[in-house]
Amino acid sequence: MKDLLGIKELQIKETPGKIIRAFRRNFNLTLEDIEKLTGIPVSNLSAIEHNKIDLGLSRSIRIAAVFGVHPSLILFPDGYDRQNNPAITKIRKSAASLIERKIKQIA
């Protein structure tokens, strides 16, 4: 992507951890505050913010409730684009092949 001057823009990948940290700081909340509200231990919250562990659906729902946003905003900050992910494409093709073989076994 280029800006008006023709200079290539930097593509910054947002992560759930970066989004949570930004929300938390914007609302002037500590990790301890989030722990009290969600029941998620500070150690896990810190690891999530530093992208060391996956957020997961249950935790994303609780954290999103703190900030009054939909969990998808935290889980998929850059949107969900499954078309360009080689690992997902490989899984999809392998699953289709396996399912096709299973259907033939039944028939």
PDB file of N, CA and C in Angstrom:
ATOM      1  N   MET A   1       0.842  -1.169   0.000  1.00  0.00           N
ATOM      2  CA  MET A   1       0.000   0.000   0.000  1.00  0.00           C
ATOM      3  C   MET A   1       0.892   1.237   0.000  1.00  0.00           C
ATOM      4  N   LYS A   2       0.518   2.269  -0.810  1.00  0.00           N
ATOM      5  CA  LYS A   2       1.317   3.483  -0.879  1.00  0.00           C
ATOM      6  C   LYS A   2       0.497   4.670  -0.404  1.00  0.00           C
ATOM      7  N   ASP A   3       1.209   5.630   0.191  1.00  0.00           N
ATOM      8  CA  ASP A   3       0.512   6.840   0.611  1.00  0.00           C
ATOM      9  C   ASP A   3       0.494   7.839  -0.544  1.00  0.00           C
ATOM     10  N   LEU A   4       0.039   9.050  -0.308  1.00  0.00           N
ATOM     11  CA  LEU A   4      -0.091  10.045  -1.370  1.00  0.00           C
ATOM     12  C   LEU A   4       1.242  10.437  -1.981  1.00  0.00           C
ATOM     13  N   LEU A   5       2.324  10.312  -1.240  1.00  0.00           N
ATOM     14  CA  LEU A   5       3.639  10.675  -1.751  1.00  0.00           C
ATOM     15  C   LEU A   5       4.304   9.524  -2.494  1.00  0.00           C
ATOM     16  N   GLY A   6       3.651   8.380  -2.571  1.00  0.00           N
ATOM     17  CA  GLY A   6       4.210   7.231  -3.254  1.00  0.00           C
ATOM     18  C   GLY A   6       5.177   6.434  -2.402  1.00  0.00           C
ATOM     19  N   ILE A   7       5.237   6.725  -1.120  1.00  0.00           N
ATOM     20  CA  ILE A   7       6.124   6.008  -0.213  1.00  0.00           C
ATOM     21  C   ILE A   7       5.367   4.829   0.364  1.00  0.00           C
ATOM     22  N   LYS A   8       6.008   3.695   0.360  1.00  0.00           N
ATOM     23  CA  LYS A   8       5.357   2.493   0.880  1.00  0.00           C
ATOM     24  C   LYS A   8       5.116   2.630   2.385  1.00  0.00           C
ATOM     25  N   GLU A   9       3.887   2.338   2.815  1.00  0.00           N
ATOM     26  CA  GLU A   9       3.541   2.398   4.234  1.00  0.00           C
ATOM     27  C   GLU A   9       4.006   1.146   4.943  1.00  0.00           C
ATOM     28  N   LEU A  10       4.314   1.285   6.208  1.00  0.00           N
ATOM     29  CA  LEU A  10       4.652   0.131   7.022  1.00  0.00           C
ATOM     30  C   LEU A  10       3.382  -0.624   7.355  1.00  0.00           C
ATOM     31  N   GLN A  11       3.431  -1.938   7.266  1.00  0.00           N
ATOM     32  CA  GLN A  11       2.299  -2.765   7.634  1.00  0.00           C
ATOM     33  C   GLN A  11       2.530  -3.262   9.059  1.00  0.00           C
ATOM     34  N   ILE A  12       1.786  -2.734   9.999  1.00  0.00           N
ATOM     35  CA  ILE A  12       1.931  -3.122  11.399  1.00  0.00           C
ATOM     36  C   ILE A  12       0.845  -4.124  11.729  1.00  0.00           C
ATOM     37  N   LYS A  13       1.242  -5.278  12.214  1.00  0.00           N
ATOM     38  CA  LYS A  13       0.276  -6.324  12.560  1.00  0.00           C
ATOM     39  C   LYS A  13      -0.152  -6.144  14.007  1.00  0.00           C
ATOM     40  N   GLU A  14      -1.424  -5.915  14.170  1.00  0.00           N
ATOM     41  CA  GLU A  14      -1.968  -5.828  15.519  1.00  0.00           C
ATOM     42  C   GLU A  14      -2.205  -7.235  16.035  1.00  0.00           C
ATOM     43  N   THR A  15      -2.062  -7.401  17.321  1.00  0.00           N
ATOM     44  CA  THR A  15      -2.311  -8.688  17.953  1.00  0.00           C
ATOM     45  C   THR A  15      -3.337  -8.481  19.056  1.00  0.00           C
ATOM     46  N   PRO A  16      -4.007  -9.560  19.485  1.00  0.00           N
ATOM     47  CA  PRO A  16      -4.932  -9.417  20.609  1.00  0.00           C
ATOM     48  C   PRO A  16      -4.251  -8.795  21.831  1.00  0.00           C
ATOM     49  N   GLY A  17      -3.020  -9.189  22.103  1.00  0.00           N
ATOM     50  CA  GLY A  17      -2.307  -8.630  23.251  1.00  0.00           C
ATOM     51  C   GLY A  17      -2.101  -7.133  23.146  1.00  0.00           C
ATOM     52  N   LYS A  18      -1.720  -6.660  21.949  1.00  0.00           N
ATOM     53  CA  LYS A  18      -1.524  -5.217  21.749  1.00  0.00           C
ATOM     54  C   LYS A  18      -2.839  -4.458  21.923  1.00  0.00           C
ATOM     55  N   ILE A  19      -3.918  -5.041  21.430  1.00  0.00           N
ATOM     56  CA  ILE A  19      -5.229  -4.398  21.537  1.00  0.00           C
ATOM     57  C   ILE A  19      -5.659  -4.304  22.999  1.00  0.00           C
ATOM     58  N   ILE A  20      -5.493  -5.396  23.731  1.00  0.00           N
ATOM     59  CA  ILE A  20      -5.874  -5.397  25.148  1.00  0.00           C
ATOM     60  C   ILE A  20      -5.062  -4.370  25.922  1.00  0.00           C
ATOM     61  N   ARG A  21      -3.751  -4.343  25.695  1.00  0.00           N
ATOM     62  CA  ARG A  21      -2.904  -3.384  26.386  1.00  0.00           C
ATOM     63  C   ARG A  21      -3.320  -1.947  26.057  1.00  0.00           C
ATOM     64  N   ALA A  22      -3.635  -1.684  24.782  1.00  0.00           N
ATOM     65  CA  ALA A  22      -4.051  -0.342  24.386  1.00  0.00           C
ATOM     66  C   ALA A  22      -5.357   0.059  25.081  1.00  0.00           C
ATOM     67  N   PHE A  23      -6.336  -0.851  25.090  1.00  0.00           N
ATOM     68  CA  PHE A  23      -7.593  -0.568  25.789  1.00  0.00           C
ATOM     69  C   PHE A  23      -7.346  -0.334  27.273  1.00  0.00           C
ATOM     70  N   ARG A  24      -6.563  -1.231  27.871  1.00  0.00           N
ATOM     71  CA  ARG A  24      -6.313  -1.137  29.316  1.00  0.00           C
ATOM     72  C   ARG A  24      -5.666   0.198  29.671  1.00  0.00           C
ATOM     73  N   ARG A  25      -4.676   0.588  28.912  1.00  0.00           N
ATOM     74  CA  ARG A  25      -3.995   1.863  29.183  1.00  0.00           C
ATOM     75  C   ARG A  25      -4.914   3.047  28.909  1.00  0.00           C
ATOM     76  N   ASN A  26      -5.721   2.938  27.851  1.00  0.00           N
ATOM     77  CA  ASN A  26      -6.651   4.011  27.518  1.00  0.00           C
ATOM     78  C   ASN A  26      -7.645   4.263  28.658  1.00  0.00           C
ATOM     79  N   PHE A  27      -8.078   3.193  29.307  1.00  0.00           N
ATOM     80  CA  PHE A  27      -9.019   3.313  30.416  1.00  0.00           C
ATOM     81  C   PHE A  27      -8.323   3.440  31.770  1.00  0.00           C
ATOM     82  N   ASN A  28      -6.983   3.530  31.738  1.00  0.00           N
ATOM     83  CA  ASN A  28      -6.178   3.697  32.955  1.00  0.00           C
ATOM     84  C   ASN A  28      -6.424   2.562  33.954  1.00  0.00           C
ATOM     85  N   LEU A  29      -6.488   1.338  33.432  1.00  0.00           N
ATOM     86  CA  LEU A  29      -6.690   0.162  34.271  1.00  0.00           C
ATOM     87  C   LEU A  29      -5.377  -0.590  34.429  1.00  0.00           C
ATOM     88  N   THR A  30      -5.189  -1.216  35.559  1.00  0.00           N
ATOM     89  CA  THR A  30      -4.019  -2.057  35.786  1.00  0.00           C
ATOM     90  C   THR A  30      -4.377  -3.506  35.475  1.00  0.00           C
ATOM     91  N   LEU A  31      -3.349  -4.330  35.398  1.00  0.00           N
ATOM     92  CA  LEU A  31      -3.609  -5.759  35.231  1.00  0.00           C
ATOM     93  C   LEU A  31      -4.392  -6.293  36.427  1.00  0.00           C
ATOM     94  N   GLU A  32      -4.096  -5.759  37.599  1.00  0.00           N
ATOM     95  CA  GLU A  32      -4.822  -6.177  38.807  1.00  0.00           C
ATOM     96  C   GLU A  32      -6.301  -5.817  38.705  1.00  0.00           C
ATOM     97  N   ASP A  33      -6.604  -4.641  38.127  1.00  0.00           N
ATOM     98  CA  ASP A  33      -8.005  -4.250  37.928  1.00  0.00           C
ATOM     99  C   ASP A  33      -8.717  -5.250  37.018  1.00  0.00           C
ATOM    100  N   ILE A  34      -8.040  -5.624  35.918  1.00  0.00           N
ATOM    101  CA  ILE A  34      -8.636  -6.565  34.979  1.00  0.00           C
ATOM    102  C   ILE A  34      -8.824  -7.926  35.644  1.00  0.00           C
ATOM    103  N   GLU A  35      -7.859  -8.328  36.465  1.00  0.00           N
ATOM    104  CA  GLU A  35      -7.985  -9.600  37.185  1.00  0.00           C
ATOM    105  C   GLU A  35      -9.210  -9.586  38.092  1.00  0.00           C
ATOM    106  N   LYS A  36      -9.401  -8.502  38.828  1.00  0.00           N
ATOM    107  CA  LYS A  36     -10.558  -8.408  39.733  1.00  0.00           C
ATOM    108  C   LYS A  36     -11.873  -8.483  38.969  1.00  0.00           C
ATOM    109  N   LEU A  37     -11.912  -7.870  37.802  1.00  0.00           N
ATOM    110  CA  LEU A  37     -13.148  -7.838  37.026  1.00  0.00           C
ATOM    111  C   LEU A  37     -13.435  -9.148  36.292  1.00  0.00           C
ATOM    112  N   THR A  38     -12.386  -9.840  35.855  1.00  0.00           N
ATOM    113  CA  THR A  38     -12.582 -11.018  34.998  1.00  0.00           C
ATOM    114  C   THR A  38     -12.274 -12.351  35.668  1.00  0.00           C
ATOM    115  N   GLY A  39     -11.464 -12.304  36.719  1.00  0.00           N
ATOM    116  CA  GLY A  39     -11.028 -13.539  37.343  1.00  0.00           C
ATOM    117  C   GLY A  39      -9.843 -14.183  36.635  1.00  0.00           C
ATOM    118  N   ILE A  40      -9.311 -13.524  35.633  1.00  0.00           N
ATOM    119  CA  ILE A  40      -8.146 -14.033  34.902  1.00  0.00           C
ATOM    120  C   ILE A  40      -6.899 -13.578  35.658  1.00  0.00           C
ATOM    121  N   PRO A  41      -6.032 -14.505  36.058  1.00  0.00           N
ATOM    122  CA  PRO A  41      -4.848 -14.124  36.830  1.00  0.00           C
ATOM    123  C   PRO A  41      -3.950 -13.122  36.097  1.00  0.00           C
ATOM    124  N   VAL A  42      -3.322 -12.246  36.885  1.00  0.00           N
ATOM    125  CA  VAL A  42      -2.418 -11.233  36.339  1.00  0.00           C
ATOM    126  C   VAL A  42      -1.334 -11.878  35.479  1.00  0.00           C
ATOM    127  N   SER A  43      -0.809 -13.016  35.919  1.00  0.00           N
ATOM    128  CA  SER A  43       0.253 -13.672  35.151  1.00  0.00           C
ATOM    129  C   SER A  43      -0.230 -14.047  33.756  1.00  0.00           C
ATOM    130  N   ASN A  44      -1.475 -14.520  33.649  1.00  0.00           N
ATOM    131  CA  ASN A  44      -2.035 -14.849  32.336  1.00  0.00           C
ATOM    132  C   ASN A  44      -2.291 -13.599  31.512  1.00  0.00           C
ATOM    133  N   LEU A  45      -2.816 -12.563  32.156  1.00  0.00           N
ATOM    134  CA  LEU A  45      -3.073 -11.312  31.440  1.00  0.00           C
ATOM    135  C   LEU A  45      -1.781 -10.736  30.873  1.00  0.00           C
ATOM    136  N   SER A  46      -0.731 -10.764  31.674  1.00  0.00           N
ATOM    137  CA  SER A  46       0.558 -10.264  31.212  1.00  0.00           C
ATOM    138  C   SER A  46       1.069 -11.090  30.037  1.00  0.00           C
ATOM    139  N   ALA A  47       0.964 -12.405  30.142  1.00  0.00           N
ATOM    140  CA  ALA A  47       1.411 -13.278  29.056  1.00  0.00           C
ATOM    141  C   ALA A  47       0.595 -13.039  27.786  1.00  0.00           C
ATOM    142  N   ILE A  48      -0.700 -12.771  27.936  1.00  0.00           N
ATOM    143  CA  ILE A  48      -1.556 -12.464  26.783  1.00  0.00           C
ATOM    144  C   ILE A  48      -1.099 -11.159  26.147  1.00  0.00           C
ATOM    145  N   GLU A  49      -0.876 -10.133  26.966  1.00  0.00           N
ATOM    146  CA  GLU A  49      -0.453  -8.836  26.437  1.00  0.00           C
ATOM    147  C   GLU A  49       0.894  -8.925  25.727  1.00  0.00           C
ATOM    148  N   HIS A  50       1.736  -9.852  26.149  1.00  0.00           N
ATOM    149  CA  HIS A  50       3.048 -10.016  25.521  1.00  0.00           C
ATOM    150  C   HIS A  50       3.043 -11.119  24.462  1.00  0.00           C
ATOM    151  N   ASN A  51       1.842 -11.576  24.092  1.00  0.00           N
ATOM    152  CA  ASN A  51       1.652 -12.570  23.024  1.00  0.00           C
ATOM    153  C   ASN A  51       2.410 -13.866  23.288  1.00  0.00           C
ATOM    154  N   LYS A  52       2.490 -14.245  24.562  1.00  0.00           N
ATOM    155  CA  LYS A  52       3.174 -15.489  24.927  1.00  0.00           C
ATOM    156  C   LYS A  52       2.206 -16.660  25.059  1.00  0.00           C
ATOM    157  N   ILE A  53       0.919 -16.362  25.296  1.00  0.00           N
ATOM    158  CA  ILE A  53      -0.106 -17.399  25.310  1.00  0.00           C
ATOM    159  C   ILE A  53      -1.299 -16.912  24.504  1.00  0.00           C
ATOM    160  N   ASP A  54      -2.054 -17.866  23.972  1.00  0.00           N
ATOM    161  CA  ASP A  54      -3.247 -17.516  23.201  1.00  0.00           C
ATOM    162  C   ASP A  54      -4.331 -16.984  24.121  1.00  0.00           C
ATOM    163  N   LEU A  55      -5.079 -16.051  23.602  1.00  0.00           N
ATOM    164  CA  LEU A  55      -6.154 -15.439  24.364  1.00  0.00           C
ATOM    165  C   LEU A  55      -7.298 -16.420  24.606  1.00  0.00           C
ATOM    166  N   GLY A  56      -7.792 -17.061  23.581  1.00  0.00           N
ATOM    167  CA  GLY A  56      -8.905 -18.000  23.702  1.00  0.00           C
ATOM    168  C   GLY A  56     -10.247 -17.290  23.771  1.00  0.00           C
ATOM    169  N   LEU A  57     -11.287 -18.013  23.437  1.00  0.00           N
ATOM    170  CA  LEU A  57     -12.632 -17.448  23.356  1.00  0.00           C
ATOM    171  C   LEU A  57     -13.169 -17.013  24.713  1.00  0.00           C
ATOM    172  N   SER A  58     -13.072 -17.869  25.715  1.00  0.00           N
ATOM    173  CA  SER A  58     -13.628 -17.552  27.030  1.00  0.00           C
ATOM    174  C   SER A  58     -12.998 -16.290  27.619  1.00  0.00           C
ATOM    175  N   ARG A  59     -11.678 -16.211  27.560  1.00  0.00           N
ATOM    176  CA  ARG A  59     -11.006 -15.032  28.102  1.00  0.00           C
ATOM    177  C   ARG A  59     -11.309 -13.789  27.275  1.00  0.00           C
ATOM    178  N   SER A  60     -11.406 -13.948  25.958  1.00  0.00           N
ATOM    179  CA  SER A  60     -11.696 -12.781  25.118  1.00  0.00           C
ATOM    180  C   SER A  60     -13.074 -12.214  25.427  1.00  0.00           C
ATOM    181  N   ILE A  61     -14.033 -13.077  25.717  1.00  0.00           N
ATOM    182  CA  ILE A  61     -15.385 -12.616  26.056  1.00  0.00           C
ATOM    183  C   ILE A  61     -15.359 -11.814  27.356  1.00  0.00           C
ATOM    184  N   ARG A  62     -14.653 -12.328  28.357  1.00  0.00           N
ATOM    185  CA  ARG A  62     -14.587 -11.623  29.647  1.00  0.00           C
ATOM    186  C   ARG A  62     -13.842 -10.297  29.535  1.00  0.00           C
ATOM    187  N   ILE A  63     -12.724 -10.290  28.814  1.00  0.00           N
ATOM    188  CA  ILE A  63     -11.957  -9.057  28.673  1.00  0.00           C
ATOM    189  C   ILE A  63     -12.721  -8.034  27.842  1.00  0.00           C
ATOM    190  N   ALA A  64     -13.366  -8.479  26.773  1.00  0.00           N
ATOM    191  CA  ALA A  64     -14.158  -7.569  25.942  1.00  0.00           C
ATOM    192  C   ALA A  64     -15.279  -6.918  26.750  1.00  0.00           C
ATOM    193  N   ALA A  65     -15.861  -7.675  27.684  1.00  0.00           N
ATOM    194  CA  ALA A  65     -16.931  -7.125  28.529  1.00  0.00           C
ATOM    195  C   ALA A  65     -16.421  -5.962  29.377  1.00  0.00           C
ATOM    196  N   VAL A  66     -15.184  -6.050  29.822  1.00  0.00           N
ATOM    197  CA  VAL A  66     -14.599  -4.958  30.613  1.00  0.00           C
ATOM    198  C   VAL A  66     -14.583  -3.668  29.805  1.00  0.00           C
ATOM    199  N   PHE A  67     -14.228  -3.777  28.532  1.00  0.00           N
ATOM    200  CA  PHE A  67     -14.076  -2.587  27.695  1.00  0.00           C
ATOM    201  C   PHE A  67     -15.343  -2.227  26.925  1.00  0.00           C
ATOM    202  N   GLY A  68     -16.367  -3.068  27.043  1.00  0.00           N
ATOM    203  CA  GLY A  68     -17.632  -2.782  26.359  1.00  0.00           C
ATOM    204  C   GLY A  68     -17.548  -2.937  24.850  1.00  0.00           C
ATOM    205  N   VAL A  69     -16.743  -3.900  24.394  1.00  0.00           N
ATOM    206  CA  VAL A  69     -16.605  -4.135  22.957  1.00  0.00           C
ATOM    207  C   VAL A  69     -16.941  -5.587  22.640  1.00  0.00           C
ATOM    208  N   HIS A  70     -17.129  -5.880  21.378  1.00  0.00           N
ATOM    209  CA  HIS A  70     -17.387  -7.250  20.938  1.00  0.00           C
ATOM    210  C   HIS A  70     -16.073  -8.031  20.973  1.00  0.00           C
ATOM    211  N   PRO A  71     -16.090  -9.292  21.407  1.00  0.00           N
ATOM    212  CA  PRO A  71     -14.864 -10.090  21.483  1.00  0.00           C
ATOM    213  C   PRO A  71     -14.099 -10.197  20.165  1.00  0.00           C
ATOM    214  N   SER A  72     -14.802 -10.141  19.043  1.00  0.00           N
ATOM    215  CA  SER A  72     -14.115 -10.250  17.754  1.00  0.00           C
ATOM    216  C   SER A  72     -13.148  -9.090  17.526  1.00  0.00           C
ATOM    217  N   LEU A  73     -13.433  -7.946  18.121  1.00  0.00           N
ATOM    218  CA  LEU A  73     -12.528  -6.798  17.994  1.00  0.00           C
ATOM    219  C   LEU A  73     -11.175  -7.103  18.630  1.00  0.00           C
ATOM    220  N   ILE A  74     -11.196  -7.913  19.686  1.00  0.00           N
ATOM    221  CA  ILE A  74      -9.957  -8.291  20.364  1.00  0.00           C
ATOM    222  C   ILE A  74      -9.344  -9.522  19.701  1.00  0.00           C
ATOM    223  N   LEU A  75     -10.157 -10.514  19.390  1.00  0.00           N
ATOM    224  CA  LEU A  75      -9.636 -11.754  18.790  1.00  0.00           C
ATOM    225  C   LEU A  75      -9.089 -11.554  17.383  1.00  0.00           C
ATOM    226  N   PHE A  76      -9.750 -10.719  16.603  1.00  0.00           N
ATOM    227  CA  PHE A  76      -9.368 -10.496  15.203  1.00  0.00           C
ATOM    228  C   PHE A  76      -9.188  -9.005  14.929  1.00  0.00           C
ATOM    229  N   PRO A  77      -8.182  -8.374  15.531  1.00  0.00           N
ATOM    230  CA  PRO A  77      -8.019  -6.927  15.377  1.00  0.00           C
ATOM    231  C   PRO A  77      -7.777  -6.475  13.945  1.00  0.00           C
ATOM    232  N   ASP A  78      -7.211  -7.335  13.116  1.00  0.00           N
ATOM    233  CA  ASP A  78      -6.976  -6.994  11.711  1.00  0.00           C
ATOM    234  C   ASP A  78      -8.020  -7.628  10.800  1.00  0.00           C
ATOM    235  N   GLY A  79      -9.109  -8.107  11.396  1.00  0.00           N
ATOM    236  CA  GLY A  79     -10.114  -8.823  10.628  1.00  0.00           C
ATOM    237  C   GLY A  79      -9.712 -10.275  10.497  1.00  0.00           C
ATOM    238  N   TYR A  80     -10.592 -11.071   9.985  1.00  0.00           N
ATOM    239  CA  TYR A  80     -10.305 -12.500   9.829  1.00  0.00           C
ATOM    240  C   TYR A  80     -10.177 -12.797   8.358  1.00  0.00           C
ATOM    241  N   ASP A  81      -8.954 -12.987   7.892  1.00  0.00           N
ATOM    242  CA  ASP A  81      -8.701 -13.274   6.485  1.00  0.00           C
ATOM    243  C   ASP A  81      -8.109 -14.663   6.369  1.00  0.00           C
ATOM    244  N   ARG A  82      -8.961 -15.629   6.186  1.00  0.00           N
ATOM    245  CA  ARG A  82      -8.492 -17.012   6.124  1.00  0.00           C
ATOM    246  C   ARG A  82      -8.002 -17.394   4.739  1.00  0.00           C
ATOM    247  N   GLN A  83      -8.255 -16.578   3.754  1.00  0.00           N
ATOM    248  CA  GLN A  83      -7.899 -16.931   2.387  1.00  0.00           C
ATOM    249  C   GLN A  83      -6.393 -16.938   2.152  1.00  0.00           C
ATOM    250  N   ASN A  84      -5.660 -16.078   2.810  1.00  0.00           N
ATOM    251  CA  ASN A  84      -4.232 -15.927   2.540  1.00  0.00           C
ATOM    252  C   ASN A  84      -3.347 -16.651   3.542  1.00  0.00           C
ATOM    253  N   ASN A  85      -3.896 -17.532   4.325  1.00  0.00           N
ATOM    254  CA  ASN A  85      -3.108 -18.232   5.329  1.00  0.00           C
ATOM    255  C   ASN A  85      -2.769 -19.632   4.800  1.00  0.00           C
ATOM    256  N   PRO A  86      -1.499 -19.872   4.458  1.00  0.00           N
ATOM    257  CA  PRO A  86      -1.120 -21.172   3.891  1.00  0.00           C
ATOM    258  C   PRO A  86      -1.438 -22.358   4.804  1.00  0.00           C
ATOM    259  N   ALA A  87      -1.262 -22.196   6.104  1.00  0.00           N
ATOM    260  CA  ALA A  87      -1.539 -23.303   7.031  1.00  0.00           C
ATOM    261  C   ALA A  87      -3.019 -23.658   7.021  1.00  0.00           C
ATOM    262  N   ILE A  88      -3.876 -22.658   6.998  1.00  0.00           N
ATOM    263  CA  ILE A  88      -5.326 -22.892   6.971  1.00  0.00           C
ATOM    264  C   ILE A  88      -5.731 -23.501   5.632  1.00  0.00           C
ATOM    265  N   THR A  89      -5.135 -23.032   4.553  1.00  0.00           N
ATOM    266  CA  THR A  89      -5.424 -23.590   3.228  1.00  0.00           C
ATOM    267  C   THR A  89      -5.051 -25.063   3.179  1.00  0.00           C
ATOM    268  N   LYS A  90      -3.909 -25.425   3.743  1.00  0.00           N
ATOM    269  CA  LYS A  90      -3.471 -26.823   3.779  1.00  0.00           C
ATOM    270  C   LYS A  90      -4.450 -27.674   4.593  1.00  0.00           C
ATOM    271  N   ILE A  91      -4.876 -27.161   5.758  1.00  0.00           N
ATOM    272  CA  ILE A  91      -5.845 -27.889   6.593  1.00  0.00           C
ATOM    273  C   ILE A  91      -7.148 -28.088   5.830  1.00  0.00           C
ATOM    274  N   ARG A  92      -7.618 -27.022   5.177  1.00  0.00           N
ATOM    275  CA  ARG A  92      -8.876 -27.093   4.439  1.00  0.00           C
ATOM    276  C   ARG A  92      -8.815 -28.165   3.350  1.00  0.00           C
ATOM    277  N   LYS A  93      -7.705 -28.195   2.583  1.00  0.00           N
ATOM    278  CA  LYS A  93      -7.561 -29.179   1.498  1.00  0.00           C
ATOM    279  C   LYS A  93      -7.456 -30.596   2.054  1.00  0.00           C
ATOM    280  N   SER A  94      -6.683 -30.784   3.106  1.00  0.00           N
ATOM    281  CA  SER A  94      -6.534 -32.111   3.715  1.00  0.00           C
ATOM    282  C   SER A  94      -7.866 -32.600   4.279  1.00  0.00           C
ATOM    283  N   ALA A  95      -8.610 -31.702   4.915  1.00  0.00           N
ATOM    284  CA  ALA A  95      -9.906 -32.077   5.482  1.00  0.00           C
ATOM    285  C   ALA A  95     -10.882 -32.461   4.377  1.00  0.00           C
ATOM    286  N   ALA A  96     -10.896 -31.709   3.286  1.00  0.00           N
ATOM    287  CA  ALA A  96     -11.803 -32.021   2.181  1.00  0.00           C
ATOM    288  C   ALA A  96     -11.485 -33.392   1.606  1.00  0.00           C
ATOM    289  N   SER A  97     -10.189 -33.700   1.469  1.00  0.00           N
ATOM    290  CA  SER A  97      -9.776 -34.999   0.954  1.00  0.00           C
ATOM    291  C   SER A  97     -10.186 -36.126   1.900  1.00  0.00           C
ATOM    292  N   LEU A  98      -9.967 -35.930   3.193  1.00  0.00           N
ATOM    293  CA  LEU A  98     -10.328 -36.937   4.195  1.00  0.00           C
ATOM    294  C   LEU A  98     -11.836 -37.170   4.219  1.00  0.00           C
ATOM    295  N   ILE A  99     -12.588 -36.116   4.197  1.00  0.00           N
ATOM    296  CA  ILE A  99     -14.056 -36.236   4.220  1.00  0.00           C
ATOM    297  C   ILE A  99     -14.551 -36.958   2.968  1.00  0.00           C
ATOM    298  N   GLU A 100     -13.948 -36.640   1.838  1.00  0.00           N
ATOM    299  CA  GLU A 100     -14.336 -37.310   0.594  1.00  0.00           C
ATOM    300  C   GLU A 100     -14.078 -38.812   0.679  1.00  0.00           C
ATOM    301  N   ARG A 101     -12.919 -39.204   1.234  1.00  0.00           N
ATOM    302  CA  ARG A 101     -12.615 -40.636   1.405  1.00  0.00           C
ATOM    303  C   ARG A 101     -13.589 -41.299   2.375  1.00  0.00           C
ATOM    304  N   LYS A 102     -13.941 -40.603   3.448  1.00  0.00           N
ATOM    305  CA  LYS A 102     -14.886 -41.155   4.434  1.00  0.00           C
ATOM    306  C   LYS A 102     -16.255 -41.364   3.797  1.00  0.00           C
ATOM    307  N   ILE A 103     -16.681 -40.428   2.994  1.00  0.00           N
ATOM    308  CA  ILE A 103     -17.986 -40.536   2.329  1.00  0.00           C
ATOM    309  C   ILE A 103     -17.993 -41.728   1.370  1.00  0.00           C
ATOM    310  N   LYS A 104     -16.876 -41.938   0.667  1.00  0.00           N
ATOM    311  CA  LYS A 104     -16.791 -43.084  -0.251  1.00  0.00           C
ATOM    312  C   LYS A 104     -16.835 -44.401   0.504  1.00  0.00           C
ATOM    313  N   GLN A 105     -16.260 -44.440   1.715  1.00  0.00           N
ATOM    314  CA  GLN A 105     -16.291 -45.653   2.531  1.00  0.00           C
ATOM    315  C   GLN A 105     -17.717 -46.001   2.954  1.00  0.00           C
ATOM    316  N   ILE A 106     -18.487 -44.999   3.228  1.00  0.00           N
ATOM    317  CA  ILE A 106     -19.872 -45.201   3.663  1.00  0.00           C
ATOM    318  C   ILE A 106     -20.733 -45.688   2.505  1.00  0.00           C
ATOM    319  N   ALA A 107     -20.498 -45.130   1.324  1.00  0.00           N
ATOM    320  CA  ALA A 107     -21.341 -45.435   0.157  1.00  0.00           C
ATOM    321  C   ALA A 107     -21.101 -46.769  -0.419  1.00  0.00           C
TER     322      ALA A 107
END
